[in-house]
């Protein structure tokens, strides 16, 4: 499995944060705030794979790009960037040694907390 940073998703996330389209929730809120499979499917039906992919900071290059398995490390609820989603993804990326994704998530986290990325 080859997972790399999804640059388009990274730029999308930064743009949303700069526009204030965020939820500054707590770390443990992600299980409740992450989109459900039904919400993901509805989003896919309405917007397609390209837009869907902008909500995932990792892509698995071994998987077909029109499968959910291609997309890793969600950071939002398909409307806003969630702080809890960024923190959760940051932790998982670091545990799996995805350094480029971890670094991008660290920058998003800093940007959400008032820093500059």
PDB file of N, CA and C in Angstrom:
ATOM      1  N   UNK A   1       0.848  -1.176   0.000  1.00  0.00           N
ATOM      2  CA  UNK A   1       0.000   0.000   0.000  1.00  0.00           C
ATOM      3  C   UNK A   1       0.892   1.236   0.000  1.00  0.00           C
ATOM      4  N   UNK A   2       0.669   2.103  -0.979  1.00  0.00           N
ATOM      5  CA  UNK A   2       1.395   3.351  -1.063  1.00  0.00           C
ATOM      6  C   UNK A   2       0.422   4.498  -0.814  1.00  0.00           C
ATOM      7  N   UNK A   3       0.603   5.175   0.314  1.00  0.00           N
ATOM      8  CA  UNK A   3      -0.274   6.286   0.676  1.00  0.00           C
ATOM      9  C   UNK A   3       0.561   7.559   0.651  1.00  0.00           C
ATOM     10  N   UNK A   4       0.040   8.561  -0.046  1.00  0.00           N
ATOM     11  CA  UNK A   4       0.751   9.832  -0.133  1.00  0.00           C
ATOM     12  C   UNK A   4      -0.213  10.986   0.117  1.00  0.00           C
ATOM     13  N   UNK A   5       0.347  12.160   0.323  1.00  0.00           N
ATOM     14  CA  UNK A   5      -0.438  13.354   0.585  1.00  0.00           C
ATOM     15  C   UNK A   5      -1.277  13.720  -0.638  1.00  0.00           C
ATOM     16  N   UNK A   6      -2.529  14.028  -0.391  1.00  0.00           N
ATOM     17  CA  UNK A   6      -3.440  14.531  -1.416  1.00  0.00           C
ATOM     18  C   UNK A   6      -3.330  16.060  -1.388  1.00  0.00           C
ATOM     19  N   UNK A   7      -2.516  16.607  -2.279  1.00  0.00           N
ATOM     20  CA  UNK A   7      -2.240  18.050  -2.290  1.00  0.00           C
ATOM     21  C   UNK A   7      -3.509  18.881  -2.481  1.00  0.00           C
ATOM     22  N   UNK A   8      -4.425  18.410  -3.328  1.00  0.00           N
ATOM     23  CA  UNK A   8      -5.673  19.161  -3.563  1.00  0.00           C
ATOM     24  C   UNK A   8      -6.508  19.239  -2.284  1.00  0.00           C
ATOM     25  N   UNK A   9      -6.528  18.165  -1.528  1.00  0.00           N
ATOM     26  CA  UNK A   9      -7.268  18.159  -0.266  1.00  0.00           C
ATOM     27  C   UNK A   9      -6.596  19.084   0.746  1.00  0.00           C
ATOM     28  N   UNK A  10      -5.289  19.095   0.757  1.00  0.00           N
ATOM     29  CA  UNK A  10      -4.539  19.955   1.670  1.00  0.00           C
ATOM     30  C   UNK A  10      -4.847  21.424   1.379  1.00  0.00           C
ATOM     31  N   UNK A  11      -4.812  21.794   0.118  1.00  0.00           N
ATOM     32  CA  UNK A  11      -5.119  23.178  -0.267  1.00  0.00           C
ATOM     33  C   UNK A  11      -6.575  23.521   0.056  1.00  0.00           C
ATOM     34  N   UNK A  12      -7.470  22.584  -0.165  1.00  0.00           N
ATOM     35  CA  UNK A  12      -8.890  22.781   0.149  1.00  0.00           C
ATOM     36  C   UNK A  12      -9.077  23.024   1.646  1.00  0.00           C
ATOM     37  N   UNK A  13      -8.428  22.208   2.456  1.00  0.00           N
ATOM     38  CA  UNK A  13      -8.540  22.345   3.914  1.00  0.00           C
ATOM     39  C   UNK A  13      -8.018  23.702   4.372  1.00  0.00           C
ATOM     40  N   UNK A  14      -6.858  24.122   3.857  1.00  0.00           N
ATOM     41  CA  UNK A  14      -6.311  25.429   4.234  1.00  0.00           C
ATOM     42  C   UNK A  14      -7.273  26.545   3.844  1.00  0.00           C
ATOM     43  N   UNK A  15      -7.845  26.448   2.673  1.00  0.00           N
ATOM     44  CA  UNK A  15      -8.791  27.460   2.207  1.00  0.00           C
ATOM     45  C   UNK A  15     -10.015  27.539   3.115  1.00  0.00           C
ATOM     46  N   UNK A  16     -10.543  26.381   3.488  1.00  0.00           N
ATOM     47  CA  UNK A  16     -11.710  26.354   4.372  1.00  0.00           C
ATOM     48  C   UNK A  16     -11.386  26.955   5.737  1.00  0.00           C
ATOM     49  N   UNK A  17     -10.216  26.642   6.260  1.00  0.00           N
ATOM     50  CA  UNK A  17      -9.813  27.176   7.567  1.00  0.00           C
ATOM     51  C   UNK A  17      -9.686  28.693   7.490  1.00  0.00           C
ATOM     52  N   UNK A  18      -9.074  29.176   6.436  1.00  0.00           N
ATOM     53  CA  UNK A  18      -8.901  30.630   6.288  1.00  0.00           C
ATOM     54  C   UNK A  18     -10.243  31.345   6.152  1.00  0.00           C
ATOM     55  N   UNK A  19     -11.241  30.662   5.596  1.00  0.00           N
ATOM     56  CA  UNK A  19     -12.587  31.231   5.453  1.00  0.00           C
ATOM     57  C   UNK A  19     -13.423  31.074   6.723  1.00  0.00           C
ATOM     58  N   UNK A  20     -12.870  30.369   7.710  1.00  0.00           N
ATOM     59  CA  UNK A  20     -13.591  30.168   8.963  1.00  0.00           C
ATOM     60  C   UNK A  20     -14.604  29.038   8.917  1.00  0.00           C
ATOM     61  N   UNK A  21     -14.509  28.191   7.921  1.00  0.00           N
ATOM     62  CA  UNK A  21     -15.422  27.051   7.805  1.00  0.00           C
ATOM     63  C   UNK A  21     -14.868  25.879   8.616  1.00  0.00           C
ATOM     64  N   UNK A  22     -14.938  26.050   9.944  1.00  0.00           N
ATOM     65  CA  UNK A  22     -14.344  25.076  10.851  1.00  0.00           C
ATOM     66  C   UNK A  22     -15.271  24.787  12.019  1.00  0.00           C
ATOM     67  N   UNK A  23     -14.976  23.690  12.673  1.00  0.00           N
ATOM     68  CA  UNK A  23     -15.601  23.350  13.952  1.00  0.00           C
ATOM     69  C   UNK A  23     -14.443  23.123  14.917  1.00  0.00           C
ATOM     70  N   UNK A  24     -14.328  23.986  15.895  1.00  0.00           N
ATOM     71  CA  UNK A  24     -13.220  23.881  16.856  1.00  0.00           C
ATOM     72  C   UNK A  24     -13.663  23.028  18.038  1.00  0.00           C
ATOM     73  N   UNK A  25     -13.849  21.764  17.737  1.00  0.00           N
ATOM     74  CA  UNK A  25     -14.322  20.805  18.719  1.00  0.00           C
ATOM     75  C   UNK A  25     -13.144  20.128  19.419  1.00  0.00           C
ATOM     76  N   UNK A  26     -13.457  19.193  20.291  1.00  0.00           N
ATOM     77  CA  UNK A  26     -12.435  18.512  21.085  1.00  0.00           C
ATOM     78  C   UNK A  26     -11.986  17.218  20.424  1.00  0.00           C
ATOM     79  N   UNK A  27     -10.803  16.778  20.756  1.00  0.00           N
ATOM     80  CA  UNK A  27     -10.169  15.602  20.159  1.00  0.00           C
ATOM     81  C   UNK A  27     -11.101  14.380  20.095  1.00  0.00           C
ATOM     82  N   UNK A  28     -11.780  14.092  21.171  1.00  0.00           N
ATOM     83  CA  UNK A  28     -12.582  12.871  21.242  1.00  0.00           C
ATOM     84  C   UNK A  28     -13.938  12.980  20.552  1.00  0.00           C
ATOM     85  N   UNK A  29     -14.241  14.112  19.937  1.00  0.00           N
ATOM     86  CA  UNK A  29     -15.531  14.307  19.273  1.00  0.00           C
ATOM     87  C   UNK A  29     -15.604  13.682  17.878  1.00  0.00           C
ATOM     88  N   UNK A  30     -14.485  13.267  17.312  1.00  0.00           N
ATOM     89  CA  UNK A  30     -14.462  12.833  15.927  1.00  0.00           C
ATOM     90  C   UNK A  30     -15.388  11.647  15.656  1.00  0.00           C
ATOM     91  N   UNK A  31     -15.496  10.705  16.574  1.00  0.00           N
ATOM     92  CA  UNK A  31     -16.370   9.554  16.326  1.00  0.00           C
ATOM     93  C   UNK A  31     -17.817   9.983  16.121  1.00  0.00           C
ATOM     94  N   UNK A  32     -18.207  11.093  16.722  1.00  0.00           N
ATOM     95  CA  UNK A  32     -19.565  11.605  16.553  1.00  0.00           C
ATOM     96  C   UNK A  32     -19.688  12.572  15.382  1.00  0.00           C
ATOM     97  N   UNK A  33     -18.599  13.226  14.991  1.00  0.00           N
ATOM     98  CA  UNK A  33     -18.654  14.262  13.968  1.00  0.00           C
ATOM     99  C   UNK A  33     -18.252  13.790  12.577  1.00  0.00           C
ATOM    100  N   UNK A  34     -17.569  12.649  12.501  1.00  0.00           N
ATOM    101  CA  UNK A  34     -17.146  12.127  11.200  1.00  0.00           C
ATOM    102  C   UNK A  34     -18.377  11.792  10.358  1.00  0.00           C
ATOM    103  N   UNK A  35     -18.297  11.998   9.043  1.00  0.00           N
ATOM    104  CA  UNK A  35     -19.445  11.662   8.203  1.00  0.00           C
ATOM    105  C   UNK A  35     -19.732  10.162   8.226  1.00  0.00           C
ATOM    106  N   UNK A  36     -21.010   9.825   8.204  1.00  0.00           N
ATOM    107  CA  UNK A  36     -21.412   8.418   8.159  1.00  0.00           C
ATOM    108  C   UNK A  36     -21.280   7.915   6.726  1.00  0.00           C
ATOM    109  N   UNK A  37     -21.353   6.609   6.553  1.00  0.00           N
ATOM    110  CA  UNK A  37     -21.309   6.029   5.206  1.00  0.00           C
ATOM    111  C   UNK A  37     -22.451   6.576   4.354  1.00  0.00           C
ATOM    112  N   UNK A  38     -23.630   6.728   4.931  1.00  0.00           N
ATOM    113  CA  UNK A  38     -24.772   7.277   4.182  1.00  0.00           C
ATOM    114  C   UNK A  38     -24.507   8.720   3.756  1.00  0.00           C
ATOM    115  N   UNK A  39     -23.918   9.513   4.637  1.00  0.00           N
ATOM    116  CA  UNK A  39     -23.593  10.900   4.296  1.00  0.00           C
ATOM    117  C   UNK A  39     -22.535  10.956   3.192  1.00  0.00           C
ATOM    118  N   UNK A  40     -21.543  10.078   3.283  1.00  0.00           N
ATOM    119  CA  UNK A  40     -20.521  10.009   2.232  1.00  0.00           C
ATOM    120  C   UNK A  40     -21.153   9.628   0.893  1.00  0.00           C
ATOM    121  N   UNK A  41     -22.025   8.632   0.908  1.00  0.00           N
ATOM    122  CA  UNK A  41     -22.666   8.185  -0.332  1.00  0.00           C
ATOM    123  C   UNK A  41     -23.529   9.283  -0.943  1.00  0.00           C
ATOM    124  N   UNK A  42     -24.263  10.005  -0.118  1.00  0.00           N
ATOM    125  CA  UNK A  42     -25.091  11.105  -0.610  1.00  0.00           C
ATOM    126  C   UNK A  42     -24.207  12.199  -1.216  1.00  0.00           C
ATOM    127  N   UNK A  43     -23.081  12.488  -0.571  1.00  0.00           N
ATOM    128  CA  UNK A  43     -22.149  13.495  -1.082  1.00  0.00           C
ATOM    129  C   UNK A  43     -21.582  13.043  -2.430  1.00  0.00           C
ATOM    130  N   UNK A  44     -21.195  11.785  -2.504  1.00  0.00           N
ATOM    131  CA  UNK A  44     -20.665  11.237  -3.762  1.00  0.00           C
ATOM    132  C   UNK A  44     -21.693  11.343  -4.881  1.00  0.00           C
ATOM    133  N   UNK A  45     -22.938  10.983  -4.594  1.00  0.00           N
ATOM    134  CA  UNK A  45     -24.000  11.041  -5.604  1.00  0.00           C
ATOM    135  C   UNK A  45     -24.185  12.462  -6.127  1.00  0.00           C
ATOM    136  N   UNK A  46     -24.068  13.422  -5.240  1.00  0.00           N
ATOM    137  CA  UNK A  46     -24.305  14.822  -5.606  1.00  0.00           C
ATOM    138  C   UNK A  46     -23.085  15.490  -6.249  1.00  0.00           C
ATOM    139  N   UNK A  47     -21.879  15.185  -5.731  1.00  0.00           N
ATOM    140  CA  UNK A  47     -20.685  15.931  -6.128  1.00  0.00           C
ATOM    141  C   UNK A  47     -19.655  15.138  -6.930  1.00  0.00           C
ATOM    142  N   UNK A  48     -19.670  13.826  -6.868  1.00  0.00           N
ATOM    143  CA  UNK A  48     -18.702  13.011  -7.603  1.00  0.00           C
ATOM    144  C   UNK A  48     -17.403  12.772  -6.844  1.00  0.00           C
ATOM    145  N   UNK A  49     -16.562  11.936  -7.436  1.00  0.00           N
ATOM    146  CA  UNK A  49     -15.325  11.498  -6.792  1.00  0.00           C
ATOM    147  C   UNK A  49     -14.313  12.616  -6.595  1.00  0.00           C
ATOM    148  N   UNK A  50     -14.191  13.528  -7.548  1.00  0.00           N
ATOM    149  CA  UNK A  50     -13.192  14.596  -7.434  1.00  0.00           C
ATOM    150  C   UNK A  50     -13.447  15.451  -6.189  1.00  0.00           C
ATOM    151  N   UNK A  51     -14.685  15.868  -6.007  1.00  0.00           N
ATOM    152  CA  UNK A  51     -15.023  16.687  -4.831  1.00  0.00           C
ATOM    153  C   UNK A  51     -14.924  15.870  -3.545  1.00  0.00           C
ATOM    154  N   UNK A  52     -15.356  14.628  -3.604  1.00  0.00           N
ATOM    155  CA  UNK A  52     -15.257  13.737  -2.439  1.00  0.00           C
ATOM    156  C   UNK A  52     -13.803  13.636  -1.967  1.00  0.00           C
ATOM    157  N   UNK A  53     -12.902  13.472  -2.916  1.00  0.00           N
ATOM    158  CA  UNK A  53     -11.484  13.310  -2.591  1.00  0.00           C
ATOM    159  C   UNK A  53     -10.861  14.510  -1.912  1.00  0.00           C
ATOM    160  N   UNK A  54     -11.453  15.685  -2.087  1.00  0.00           N
ATOM    161  CA  UNK A  54     -10.909  16.898  -1.461  1.00  0.00           C
ATOM    162  C   UNK A  54     -11.079  16.892   0.054  1.00  0.00           C
ATOM    163  N   UNK A  55     -11.787  15.913   0.598  1.00  0.00           N
ATOM    164  CA  UNK A  55     -12.008  15.821   2.047  1.00  0.00           C
ATOM    165  C   UNK A  55     -11.112  14.784   2.722  1.00  0.00           C
ATOM    166  N   UNK A  56     -10.122  14.259   1.965  1.00  0.00           N
ATOM    167  CA  UNK A  56      -9.238  13.211   2.480  1.00  0.00           C
ATOM    168  C   UNK A  56      -7.794  13.577   2.171  1.00  0.00           C
ATOM    169  N   UNK A  57      -6.972  13.681   3.214  1.00  0.00           N
ATOM    170  CA  UNK A  57      -5.601  14.143   3.029  1.00  0.00           C
ATOM    171  C   UNK A  57      -4.639  13.073   2.534  1.00  0.00           C
ATOM    172  N   UNK A  58      -5.068  11.837   2.494  1.00  0.00           N
ATOM    173  CA  UNK A  58      -4.222  10.777   1.976  1.00  0.00           C
ATOM    174  C   UNK A  58      -4.905  10.054   0.836  1.00  0.00           C
ATOM    175  N   UNK A  59      -4.094   9.605  -0.112  1.00  0.00           N
ATOM    176  CA  UNK A  59      -4.622   8.757  -1.177  1.00  0.00           C
ATOM    177  C   UNK A  59      -3.742   7.517  -1.298  1.00  0.00           C
ATOM    178  N   UNK A  60      -4.412   6.389  -1.449  1.00  0.00           N
ATOM    179  CA  UNK A  60      -3.737   5.106  -1.620  1.00  0.00           C
ATOM    180  C   UNK A  60      -3.610   4.866  -3.114  1.00  0.00           C
ATOM    181  N   UNK A  61      -2.408   5.017  -3.633  1.00  0.00           N
ATOM    182  CA  UNK A  61      -2.190   4.923  -5.071  1.00  0.00           C
ATOM    183  C   UNK A  61      -2.353   3.504  -5.612  1.00  0.00           C
ATOM    184  N   UNK A  62      -2.450   2.512  -4.730  1.00  0.00           N
ATOM    185  CA  UNK A  62      -2.674   1.136  -5.166  1.00  0.00           C
ATOM    186  C   UNK A  62      -4.149   0.826  -5.388  1.00  0.00           C
ATOM    187  N   UNK A  63      -5.030   1.744  -4.981  1.00  0.00           N
ATOM    188  CA  UNK A  63      -6.479   1.534  -5.097  1.00  0.00           C
ATOM    189  C   UNK A  63      -7.031   2.396  -6.226  1.00  0.00           C
ATOM    190  N   UNK A  64      -8.070   1.907  -6.888  1.00  0.00           N
ATOM    191  CA  UNK A  64      -8.749   2.666  -7.930  1.00  0.00           C
ATOM    192  C   UNK A  64      -9.252   3.983  -7.347  1.00  0.00           C
ATOM    193  N   UNK A  65      -9.098   5.071  -8.093  1.00  0.00           N
ATOM    194  CA  UNK A  65      -9.461   6.385  -7.557  1.00  0.00           C
ATOM    195  C   UNK A  65     -10.960   6.617  -7.468  1.00  0.00           C
ATOM    196  N   UNK A  66     -11.757   5.700  -7.946  1.00  0.00           N
ATOM    197  CA  UNK A  66     -13.203   5.795  -7.780  1.00  0.00           C
ATOM    198  C   UNK A  66     -13.709   4.725  -6.819  1.00  0.00           C
ATOM    199  N   UNK A  67     -12.943   4.557  -5.730  1.00  0.00           N
ATOM    200  CA  UNK A  67     -13.350   3.699  -4.620  1.00  0.00           C
ATOM    201  C   UNK A  67     -13.059   4.440  -3.318  1.00  0.00           C
ATOM    202  N   UNK A  68     -13.843   4.156  -2.316  1.00  0.00           N
ATOM    203  CA  UNK A  68     -13.611   4.803  -1.020  1.00  0.00           C
ATOM    204  C   UNK A  68     -12.263   4.388  -0.432  1.00  0.00           C
ATOM    205  N   UNK A  69     -11.794   3.199  -0.755  1.00  0.00           N
ATOM    206  CA  UNK A  69     -10.517   2.723  -0.244  1.00  0.00           C
ATOM    207  C   UNK A  69      -9.321   3.525  -0.728  1.00  0.00           C
ATOM    208  N   UNK A  70      -9.498   4.289  -1.791  1.00  0.00           N
ATOM    209  CA  UNK A  70      -8.444   5.140  -2.337  1.00  0.00           C
ATOM    210  C   UNK A  70      -8.154   6.325  -1.412  1.00  0.00           C
ATOM    211  N   UNK A  71      -9.162   6.725  -0.629  1.00  0.00           N
ATOM    212  CA  UNK A  71      -9.089   7.951   0.173  1.00  0.00           C
ATOM    213  C   UNK A  71      -8.894   7.638   1.652  1.00  0.00           C
ATOM    214  N   UNK A  72      -7.908   8.294   2.249  1.00  0.00           N
ATOM    215  CA  UNK A  72      -7.535   8.072   3.649  1.00  0.00           C
ATOM    216  C   UNK A  72      -7.462   9.409   4.383  1.00  0.00           C
ATOM    217  N   UNK A  73      -7.582   9.378   5.673  1.00  0.00           N
ATOM    218  CA  UNK A  73      -7.396  10.526   6.551  1.00  0.00           C
ATOM    219  C   UNK A  73      -8.392  11.664   6.301  1.00  0.00           C
ATOM    220  N   UNK A  74      -9.666  11.394   6.584  1.00  0.00           N
ATOM    221  CA  UNK A  74     -10.655  12.476   6.490  1.00  0.00           C
ATOM    222  C   UNK A  74     -10.393  13.532   7.557  1.00  0.00           C
ATOM    223  N   UNK A  75     -10.741  14.757   7.247  1.00  0.00           N
ATOM    224  CA  UNK A  75     -10.495  15.853   8.198  1.00  0.00           C
ATOM    225  C   UNK A  75     -11.730  16.695   8.460  1.00  0.00           C
ATOM    226  N   UNK A  76     -12.837  16.369   7.836  1.00  0.00           N
ATOM    227  CA  UNK A  76     -14.031  17.182   8.020  1.00  0.00           C
ATOM    228  C   UNK A  76     -15.304  16.397   7.781  1.00  0.00           C
ATOM    229  N   UNK A  77     -16.425  17.100   7.907  1.00  0.00           N
ATOM    230  CA  UNK A  77     -17.736  16.467   7.775  1.00  0.00           C
ATOM    231  C   UNK A  77     -18.371  16.717   6.405  1.00  0.00           C
ATOM    232  N   UNK A  78     -17.546  17.040   5.422  1.00  0.00           N
ATOM    233  CA  UNK A  78     -17.970  17.333   4.051  1.00  0.00           C
ATOM    234  C   UNK A  78     -18.604  18.719   3.919  1.00  0.00           C
ATOM    235  N   UNK A  79     -18.485  19.509   4.983  1.00  0.00           N
ATOM    236  CA  UNK A  79     -18.930  20.906   4.976  1.00  0.00           C
ATOM    237  C   UNK A  79     -17.885  21.814   5.626  1.00  0.00           C
ATOM    238  N   UNK A  80     -17.293  21.322   6.709  1.00  0.00           N
ATOM    239  CA  UNK A  80     -16.342  22.110   7.502  1.00  0.00           C
ATOM    240  C   UNK A  80     -15.163  21.245   7.907  1.00  0.00           C
ATOM    241  N   UNK A  81     -14.059  21.907   8.199  1.00  0.00           N
ATOM    242  CA  UNK A  81     -12.898  21.234   8.777  1.00  0.00           C
ATOM    243  C   UNK A  81     -13.154  21.114  10.273  1.00  0.00           C
ATOM    244  N   UNK A  82     -13.002  19.913  10.784  1.00  0.00           N
ATOM    245  CA  UNK A  82     -13.181  19.688  12.223  1.00  0.00           C
ATOM    246  C   UNK A  82     -11.818  19.543  12.887  1.00  0.00           C
ATOM    247  N   UNK A  83     -11.621  20.296  13.937  1.00  0.00           N
ATOM    248  CA  UNK A  83     -10.368  20.201  14.698  1.00  0.00           C
ATOM    249  C   UNK A  83     -10.153  18.763  15.168  1.00  0.00           C
ATOM    250  N   UNK A  84     -11.221  18.122  15.632  1.00  0.00           N
ATOM    251  CA  UNK A  84     -11.097  16.738  16.113  1.00  0.00           C
ATOM    252  C   UNK A  84     -10.701  15.787  14.972  1.00  0.00           C
ATOM    253  N   UNK A  85     -11.166  16.063  13.755  1.00  0.00           N
ATOM    254  CA  UNK A  85     -10.792  15.244  12.601  1.00  0.00           C
ATOM    255  C   UNK A  85      -9.330  15.419  12.244  1.00  0.00           C
ATOM    256  N   UNK A  86      -8.858  16.655  12.307  1.00  0.00           N
ATOM    257  CA  UNK A  86      -7.449  16.946  12.029  1.00  0.00           C
ATOM    258  C   UNK A  86      -6.566  16.254  13.066  1.00  0.00           C
ATOM    259  N   UNK A  87      -6.928  16.358  14.337  1.00  0.00           N
ATOM    260  CA  UNK A  87      -6.128  15.744  15.402  1.00  0.00           C
ATOM    261  C   UNK A  87      -6.124  14.221  15.265  1.00  0.00           C
ATOM    262  N   UNK A  88      -7.281  13.641  14.989  1.00  0.00           N
ATOM    263  CA  UNK A  88      -7.371  12.189  14.833  1.00  0.00           C
ATOM    264  C   UNK A  88      -6.518  11.709  13.656  1.00  0.00           C
ATOM    265  N   UNK A  89      -6.630  12.398  12.531  1.00  0.00           N
ATOM    266  CA  UNK A  89      -5.849  12.018  11.352  1.00  0.00           C
ATOM    267  C   UNK A  89      -4.352  12.218  11.594  1.00  0.00           C
ATOM    268  N   UNK A  90      -4.015  13.287  12.290  1.00  0.00           N
ATOM    269  CA  UNK A  90      -2.615  13.580  12.602  1.00  0.00           C
ATOM    270  C   UNK A  90      -1.998  12.431  13.407  1.00  0.00           C
ATOM    271  N   UNK A  91      -2.724  11.956  14.392  1.00  0.00           N
ATOM    272  CA  UNK A  91      -2.247  10.856  15.229  1.00  0.00           C
ATOM    273  C   UNK A  91      -2.076   9.570  14.415  1.00  0.00           C
ATOM    274  N   UNK A  92      -3.083   9.241  13.603  1.00  0.00           N
ATOM    275  CA  UNK A  92      -3.018   8.008  12.804  1.00  0.00           C
ATOM    276  C   UNK A  92      -1.912   8.071  11.747  1.00  0.00           C
ATOM    277  N   UNK A  93      -1.744   9.227  11.114  1.00  0.00           N
ATOM    278  CA  UNK A  93      -0.688   9.366  10.112  1.00  0.00           C
ATOM    279  C   UNK A  93       0.692   9.192  10.749  1.00  0.00           C
ATOM    280  N   UNK A  94       0.886   9.777  11.927  1.00  0.00           N
ATOM    281  CA  UNK A  94       2.162   9.650  12.625  1.00  0.00           C
ATOM    282  C   UNK A  94       2.430   8.202  13.030  1.00  0.00           C
ATOM    283  N   UNK A  95       1.401   7.509  13.505  1.00  0.00           N
ATOM    284  CA  UNK A  95       1.554   6.106  13.910  1.00  0.00           C
ATOM    285  C   UNK A  95       1.965   5.224  12.743  1.00  0.00           C
ATOM    286  N   UNK A  96       1.541   5.606  11.533  1.00  0.00           N
ATOM    287  CA  UNK A  96       1.833   4.796  10.345  1.00  0.00           C
ATOM    288  C   UNK A  96       3.000   5.336   9.519  1.00  0.00           C
ATOM    289  N   UNK A  97       3.722   6.313  10.080  1.00  0.00           N
ATOM    290  CA  UNK A  97       4.911   6.879   9.436  1.00  0.00           C
ATOM    291  C   UNK A  97       4.637   7.490   8.067  1.00  0.00           C
ATOM    292  N   UNK A  98       3.485   8.129   7.914  1.00  0.00           N
ATOM    293  CA  UNK A  98       3.179   8.883   6.698  1.00  0.00           C
ATOM    294  C   UNK A  98       3.613  10.324   6.966  1.00  0.00           C
ATOM    295  N   UNK A  99       4.905  10.559   6.821  1.00  0.00           N
ATOM    296  CA  UNK A  99       5.499  11.823   7.247  1.00  0.00           C
ATOM    297  C   UNK A  99       4.929  13.041   6.518  1.00  0.00           C
ATOM    298  N   UNK A 100       4.697  12.925   5.194  1.00  0.00           N
ATOM    299  CA  UNK A 100       4.187  14.082   4.460  1.00  0.00           C
ATOM    300  C   UNK A 100       2.765  14.425   4.900  1.00  0.00           C
ATOM    301  N   UNK A 101       1.962  13.411   5.180  1.00  0.00           N
ATOM    302  CA  UNK A 101       0.591  13.634   5.639  1.00  0.00           C
ATOM    303  C   UNK A 101       0.601  14.175   7.064  1.00  0.00           C
ATOM    304  N   UNK A 102       1.449  13.610   7.909  1.00  0.00           N
ATOM    305  CA  UNK A 102       1.576  14.087   9.290  1.00  0.00           C
ATOM    306  C   UNK A 102       1.964  15.556   9.313  1.00  0.00           C
ATOM    307  N   UNK A 103       2.936  15.937   8.499  1.00  0.00           N
ATOM    308  CA  UNK A 103       3.386  17.328   8.459  1.00  0.00           C
ATOM    309  C   UNK A 103       2.260  18.259   7.994  1.00  0.00           C
ATOM    310  N   UNK A 104       1.517  17.852   6.986  1.00  0.00           N
ATOM    311  CA  UNK A 104       0.399  18.669   6.502  1.00  0.00           C
ATOM    312  C   UNK A 104      -0.662  18.827   7.590  1.00  0.00           C
ATOM    313  N   UNK A 105      -0.960  17.761   8.293  1.00  0.00           N
ATOM    314  CA  UNK A 105      -1.956  17.825   9.361  1.00  0.00           C
ATOM    315  C   UNK A 105      -1.478  18.685  10.515  1.00  0.00           C
ATOM    316  N   UNK A 106      -0.198  18.614  10.841  1.00  0.00           N
ATOM    317  CA  UNK A 106       0.354  19.484  11.884  1.00  0.00           C
ATOM    318  C   UNK A 106       0.166  20.953  11.499  1.00  0.00           C
ATOM    319  N   UNK A 107       0.400  21.270  10.240  1.00  0.00           N
ATOM    320  CA  UNK A 107       0.235  22.648   9.765  1.00  0.00           C
ATOM    321  C   UNK A 107      -1.232  23.071   9.818  1.00  0.00           C
ATOM    322  N   UNK A 108      -2.144  22.172   9.437  1.00  0.00           N
ATOM    323  CA  UNK A 108      -3.570  22.495   9.525  1.00  0.00           C
ATOM    324  C   UNK A 108      -3.986  22.727  10.970  1.00  0.00           C
ATOM    325  N   UNK A 109      -3.493  21.871  11.856  1.00  0.00           N
ATOM    326  CA  UNK A 109      -3.787  21.990  13.284  1.00  0.00           C
ATOM    327  C   UNK A 109      -3.317  23.354  13.797  1.00  0.00           C
ATOM    328  N   UNK A 110      -2.105  23.726  13.425  1.00  0.00           N
ATOM    329  CA  UNK A 110      -1.552  25.015  13.844  1.00  0.00           C
ATOM    330  C   UNK A 110      -2.388  26.167  13.284  1.00  0.00           C
ATOM    331  N   UNK A 111      -2.773  26.064  12.028  1.00  0.00           N
ATOM    332  CA  UNK A 111      -3.585  27.100  11.392  1.00  0.00           C
ATOM    333  C   UNK A 111      -4.941  27.242  12.099  1.00  0.00           C
ATOM    334  N   UNK A 112      -5.539  26.127  12.462  1.00  0.00           N
ATOM    335  CA  UNK A 112      -6.826  26.164  13.161  1.00  0.00           C
ATOM    336  C   UNK A 112      -6.690  26.792  14.549  1.00  0.00           C
ATOM    337  N   UNK A 113      -5.541  26.598  15.159  1.00  0.00           N
ATOM    338  CA  UNK A 113      -5.331  27.114  16.510  1.00  0.00           C
ATOM    339  C   UNK A 113      -4.741  28.529  16.504  1.00  0.00           C
ATOM    340  N   UNK A 114      -4.783  29.178  15.337  1.00  0.00           N
ATOM    341  CA  UNK A 114      -4.384  30.571  15.263  1.00  0.00           C
ATOM    342  C   UNK A 114      -2.979  30.831  14.768  1.00  0.00           C
ATOM    343  N   UNK A 115      -2.293  29.784  14.347  1.00  0.00           N
ATOM    344  CA  UNK A 115      -0.948  29.957  13.814  1.00  0.00           C
ATOM    345  C   UNK A 115      -0.979  30.192  12.315  1.00  0.00           C
ATOM    346  N   UNK A 116       0.153  30.054  11.686  1.00  0.00           N
ATOM    347  CA  UNK A 116       0.266  30.266  10.238  1.00  0.00           C
ATOM    348  C   UNK A 116       0.818  29.012   9.592  1.00  0.00           C
ATOM    349  N   UNK A 117       0.181  28.609   8.491  1.00  0.00           N
ATOM    350  CA  UNK A 117       0.663  27.425   7.762  1.00  0.00           C
ATOM    351  C   UNK A 117       0.930  27.782   6.316  1.00  0.00           C
TER     352      UNK A 117
END
